[in-house]
Amino acid sequence: MGKIGDTLWDATMYRRLLSRWAMSARDARTAKLSVLRRQSTRARQLRAHLDELIHVADERLSLPVIGSNSFSKPHNADWAWRPEIWRGPLPVRGISSITSKSKLGDEITLFHDCARSELTLRQLRNQREQDLAPYGLRLDVFNFDGSFLSLVLDLPANAVDGLKRTHIIKVSSIVTMEKPIEIFVRLNIKHGPNTEQIVREFPASQNEFNAEFDLAYANLNEKRVEKMWIDIIFENPQMNQITLRDLTFSRRPRAQL
């Protein structure tokens, strides 16, 4: 049996029902009250289902598509990734009055040293046409009495598979803020007992940020690489709303001269 809407019979029934409701709407001012009452009850029941369908359809059909992993990558990239928060809905969309080391989803952890937390972190649906990521991450900071605030993101295990000093790691983000602040990204690579750290700054004058980490300048033991993560560090974040509309990663080998 064909699915609803797939057959000629379905199309014929739809036209008949549409015509019948159109006629009832035209005759509503002159219909008997008993008939009008019955039609009104049925119309309200039908509208409840239609409203639910339209609501879900608007969310699913609005750009960008949920689950999308589409973004610009270097042509020779051998690894690329968009974290789960920016790809699809989380079971828990947000947290408030956040204590340090609180997690949102499986990959993001927030760190701070505030005596009193006035922070909220939540996932939101991207609705702008220029956004490629289905979801964004919003950080609201009110009074801030701490000395540091950062988001830590664990990269998947395949990010370090075959990692060499000839690789360049690229981090790209789209960030909107109520007021400009300094944002730093620190790449951490654990190799054996040591952890290599490289820091880059996102320009405060731009919304689209790109930071590249050339591992040729890292003191890296390729044979002992275990894991990789980043810290996103916010300087003087008080009384600000910071939205990371997207966050993506890619890895490519450096061109050989």
Protein backbone atom coordinates (compact mmCIF):
# COMPACT_ATOMS: atom_id res chain seq x y z
CA MET A 1 0.00 0.00 0.00
CA GLY A 2 1.31 3.45 -0.89
CA LYS A 3 1.99 6.04 1.77
CA ILE A 4 -0.54 8.80 2.45
CA GLY A 5 -0.28 11.43 -0.23
CA ASP A 6 1.41 9.06 -2.70
CA THR A 7 -1.67 7.81 -4.59
CA LEU A 8 -4.21 9.30 -6.96
CA TRP A 9 -6.96 8.31 -4.50
CA ASP A 10 -5.30 10.38 -1.77
CA ALA A 11 -5.04 13.39 -4.05
CA THR A 12 -8.73 13.07 -5.01
CA MET A 13 -9.82 12.79 -1.36
CA TYR A 14 -7.69 15.80 -0.45
CA ARG A 15 -9.36 17.93 -3.14
CA ARG A 16 -12.82 16.84 -1.99
CA LEU A 17 -12.11 17.62 1.66
CA LEU A 18 -10.57 20.98 0.76
CA SER A 19 -13.61 21.85 -1.36
CA ARG A 20 -16.00 20.79 1.45
CA TRP A 21 -14.26 22.94 4.07
CA ALA A 22 -14.10 25.87 1.66
CA MET A 23 -17.88 25.58 1.13
CA SER A 24 -18.51 25.37 4.88
CA ALA A 25 -16.43 28.53 5.41
CA ARG A 26 -18.41 30.41 2.71
CA ASP A 27 -21.77 29.31 4.21
CA ALA A 28 -20.83 29.89 7.86
CA ARG A 29 -22.79 33.17 8.18
CA THR A 30 -26.06 31.59 7.02
CA ALA A 31 -25.75 28.00 8.32
CA LYS A 32 -28.03 26.69 11.07
CA LEU A 33 -26.53 27.10 14.52
CA SER A 34 -26.64 23.35 15.18
CA VAL A 35 -24.69 22.72 11.95
CA LEU A 36 -22.28 25.57 12.67
CA ARG A 37 -21.60 24.25 16.18
CA ARG A 38 -20.76 20.80 14.85
CA GLN A 39 -18.53 22.23 12.10
CA SER A 40 -16.76 24.50 14.58
CA THR A 41 -15.92 21.57 16.86
CA ARG A 42 -14.57 19.52 13.96
CA ALA A 43 -12.61 22.49 12.61
CA ARG A 44 -10.94 23.07 15.99
CA GLN A 45 -9.98 19.40 16.26
CA LEU A 46 -8.56 19.50 12.75
CA ARG A 47 -6.72 22.78 13.40
CA ALA A 48 -4.92 21.30 16.43
CA HIS A 49 -3.38 18.60 14.24
CA LEU A 50 -2.62 21.04 11.42
CA ASP A 51 -0.93 23.49 13.81
CA GLU A 52 1.26 20.70 15.19
CA LEU A 53 2.18 19.56 11.68
CA ILE A 54 3.04 23.10 10.58
CA HIS A 55 5.13 23.72 13.72
CA VAL A 56 7.20 20.56 13.25
CA ALA A 57 7.49 21.09 9.48
CA ASP A 58 8.70 24.68 9.91
CA GLU A 59 11.43 23.51 12.27
CA ARG A 60 12.54 20.56 10.14
CA LEU A 61 12.37 22.37 6.81
CA SER A 62 13.95 25.63 7.95
CA LEU A 63 17.58 26.14 6.98
CA PRO A 64 19.91 24.61 7.89
CA VAL A 65 18.86 20.94 7.96
CA ILE A 66 19.14 19.19 11.33
CA GLY A 67 22.09 16.81 11.37
CA SER A 68 23.96 18.72 8.69
CA ASN A 69 27.72 18.27 8.70
CA SER A 70 28.21 20.51 5.69
CA PHE A 71 30.90 23.17 5.96
CA SER A 72 33.89 24.50 4.05
CA LYS A 73 36.94 22.27 4.34
CA PRO A 74 40.43 22.45 2.79
CA HIS A 75 40.50 20.37 -0.39
CA ASN A 76 43.22 18.11 1.03
CA ALA A 77 41.72 17.67 4.50
CA ASP A 78 42.13 14.13 5.87
CA TRP A 79 39.78 14.76 8.84
CA ALA A 80 36.91 17.19 9.47
CA TRP A 81 34.33 17.44 12.23
CA ARG A 82 31.46 19.50 13.64
CA PRO A 83 30.64 18.72 17.33
CA GLU A 84 27.24 17.34 18.31
CA ILE A 85 25.96 20.57 19.90
CA TRP A 86 26.05 22.28 16.50
CA ARG A 87 24.63 19.28 14.58
CA GLY A 88 21.50 18.12 16.37
CA PRO A 89 19.24 18.61 19.41
CA LEU A 90 20.54 17.65 22.84
CA PRO A 91 18.35 15.82 25.42
CA VAL A 92 19.04 18.70 27.84
CA ARG A 93 19.14 22.00 25.95
CA GLY A 94 20.50 24.29 28.68
CA ILE A 95 21.82 24.81 32.20
CA SER A 96 21.84 27.86 34.49
CA SER A 97 23.68 29.01 37.63
CA ILE A 98 26.44 26.82 36.30
CA THR A 99 29.02 25.34 38.66
CA SER A 100 32.52 24.83 37.33
CA LYS A 101 33.11 21.59 35.39
CA SER A 102 29.44 21.41 34.34
CA LYS A 103 28.83 19.59 31.06
CA LEU A 104 26.35 20.26 28.27
CA GLY A 105 26.08 17.21 26.09
CA ASP A 106 28.96 14.75 25.97
CA GLU A 107 31.66 17.04 24.58
CA ILE A 108 31.45 20.53 26.16
CA THR A 109 32.52 21.39 29.73
CA LEU A 110 32.41 24.89 31.24
CA PHE A 111 35.11 26.01 33.69
CA HIS A 112 35.17 29.16 35.86
CA ASP A 113 36.24 30.31 39.31
CA CYS A 114 33.27 32.54 40.23
CA ALA A 115 32.23 32.62 43.87
CA ARG A 116 28.66 33.16 42.68
CA SER A 117 27.67 31.83 39.29
CA GLU A 118 25.47 34.06 37.14
CA LEU A 119 26.03 32.09 33.96
CA THR A 120 23.70 30.24 31.60
CA LEU A 121 24.62 27.96 28.73
CA ARG A 122 22.08 26.68 26.24
CA GLN A 123 21.67 25.24 22.80
CA LEU A 124 19.53 27.19 20.34
CA ARG A 125 18.19 26.55 16.85
CA ASN A 126 19.93 28.55 14.14
CA GLN A 127 17.36 30.28 11.91
CA ARG A 128 19.54 32.65 9.90
CA GLU A 129 19.89 31.89 6.21
CA GLN A 130 23.68 32.31 6.34
CA ASP A 131 24.10 29.68 9.07
CA LEU A 132 25.26 26.25 7.94
CA ALA A 133 25.11 24.66 11.40
CA PRO A 134 21.62 23.55 12.49
CA TYR A 135 22.22 24.65 16.09
CA GLY A 136 24.26 27.19 18.03
CA LEU A 137 25.54 27.55 21.59
CA ARG A 138 24.69 30.65 23.65
CA LEU A 139 26.54 31.76 26.77
CA ASP A 140 24.91 34.47 28.91
CA VAL A 141 27.17 36.14 31.45
CA PHE A 142 25.75 38.57 34.00
CA ASN A 143 27.80 39.68 37.01
CA PHE A 144 31.18 37.97 36.83
CA ASP A 145 33.43 37.92 39.88
CA GLY A 146 35.90 35.31 38.64
CA SER A 147 39.28 35.51 36.94
CA PHE A 148 38.69 33.02 34.10
CA LEU A 149 35.90 31.52 31.99
CA SER A 150 36.41 28.84 29.39
CA LEU A 151 34.69 26.12 27.42
CA VAL A 152 36.59 22.87 27.00
CA LEU A 153 35.76 20.68 24.02
CA ASP A 154 37.09 17.13 23.68
CA LEU A 155 37.95 16.13 20.13
CA PRO A 156 37.09 12.60 18.98
CA ALA A 157 39.65 9.82 18.95
CA ASN A 158 39.97 9.84 15.16
CA ALA A 159 41.26 13.43 15.33
CA VAL A 160 44.64 12.07 16.47
CA ASP A 161 44.75 8.92 14.33
CA GLY A 162 47.91 9.26 12.28
CA LEU A 163 48.59 12.78 13.60
CA LYS A 164 51.97 14.11 12.44
CA ARG A 165 54.02 17.24 12.90
CA THR A 166 53.36 17.89 9.22
CA HIS A 167 49.66 18.51 9.97
CA ILE A 168 47.86 21.83 10.30
CA ILE A 169 44.78 21.91 12.55
CA LYS A 170 42.17 24.51 11.60
CA VAL A 171 39.43 25.76 13.95
CA SER A 172 36.62 27.85 12.46
CA SER A 173 33.75 29.56 14.26
CA ILE A 174 30.98 32.08 13.74
CA VAL A 175 30.52 34.16 16.90
CA THR A 176 28.10 36.98 17.71
CA MET A 177 28.43 39.10 20.85
CA GLU A 178 26.57 41.97 22.48
CA LYS A 179 29.93 43.71 22.92
CA PRO A 180 33.38 42.78 21.61
CA ILE A 181 35.69 40.83 23.91
CA GLU A 182 38.94 38.94 23.43
CA ILE A 183 38.52 35.23 22.72
CA PHE A 184 41.44 32.80 22.68
CA VAL A 185 41.57 29.22 21.47
CA ARG A 186 44.15 26.87 23.00
CA LEU A 187 44.91 23.55 21.33
CA ASN A 188 46.04 20.83 23.74
CA ILE A 189 47.71 17.62 22.56
CA LYS A 190 48.56 14.96 25.13
CA HIS A 191 51.53 12.80 24.12
CA GLY A 192 52.84 10.45 26.78
CA PRO A 193 53.30 12.31 30.09
CA ASN A 194 53.46 15.70 28.33
CA THR A 195 50.83 18.06 26.93
CA GLU A 196 51.68 20.44 24.09
CA GLN A 197 49.71 23.71 24.12
CA ILE A 198 49.37 26.25 21.31
CA VAL A 199 47.30 29.44 21.68
CA ARG A 200 45.65 31.57 18.99
CA GLU A 201 43.43 34.64 19.29
CA PHE A 202 40.13 35.17 17.48
CA PRO A 203 40.01 38.77 16.15
CA ALA A 204 37.35 40.71 18.10
CA SER A 205 36.49 42.79 15.04
CA GLN A 206 35.23 39.81 13.04
CA ASN A 207 32.25 37.46 13.35
CA GLU A 208 33.81 34.62 11.36
CA PHE A 209 36.97 33.39 13.02
CA ASN A 210 39.65 31.02 11.76
CA ALA A 211 42.66 29.83 13.73
CA GLU A 212 45.35 27.53 12.38
CA PHE A 213 47.78 25.47 14.43
CA ASP A 214 50.88 24.39 12.54
CA LEU A 215 52.26 21.37 14.36
CA ALA A 216 55.70 21.84 12.78
CA TYR A 217 56.34 24.30 15.61
CA ALA A 218 55.14 21.93 18.33
CA ASN A 219 57.39 19.76 20.43
CA LEU A 220 55.32 16.70 19.64
CA ASN A 221 56.16 13.02 20.03
CA GLU A 222 54.11 11.57 17.16
CA LYS A 223 54.39 7.99 18.42
CA ARG A 224 52.82 8.79 21.80
CA VAL A 225 49.89 11.05 20.88
CA GLU A 226 46.85 10.05 22.99
CA LYS A 227 44.18 12.75 22.77
CA MET A 228 43.45 16.31 21.71
CA TRP A 229 41.11 19.00 23.07
CA ILE A 230 40.62 22.75 22.89
CA ASP A 231 39.92 25.50 25.40
CA ILE A 232 37.87 28.51 24.28
CA ILE A 233 38.84 31.28 26.70
CA PHE A 234 36.75 34.44 27.19
CA GLU A 235 38.44 37.57 28.57
CA ASN A 236 36.34 40.03 30.63
CA PRO A 237 33.01 38.37 29.71
CA GLN A 238 30.76 40.14 32.23
CA MET A 239 27.35 41.47 31.13
CA ASN A 240 27.56 39.89 27.70
CA GLN A 241 25.72 37.40 25.52
CA ILE A 242 28.05 35.31 23.38
CA THR A 243 26.65 32.99 20.72
CA LEU A 244 28.80 30.46 18.90
CA ARG A 245 26.71 29.96 15.76
CA ASP A 246 29.08 27.30 14.48
CA LEU A 247 32.29 25.52 15.41
CA THR A 248 34.15 23.22 13.03
CA PHE A 249 37.53 21.53 12.80
CA SER A 250 39.66 20.18 10.00
CA ARG A 251 43.10 18.65 9.63
CA ARG A 252 45.30 18.74 6.56
CA PRO A 253 48.92 17.88 5.74
CA ARG A 254 51.18 20.83 5.08
CA ALA A 255 52.19 21.29 1.46
CA GLN A 256 55.61 19.80 0.83
CA LEU A 257 58.17 22.11 -0.71
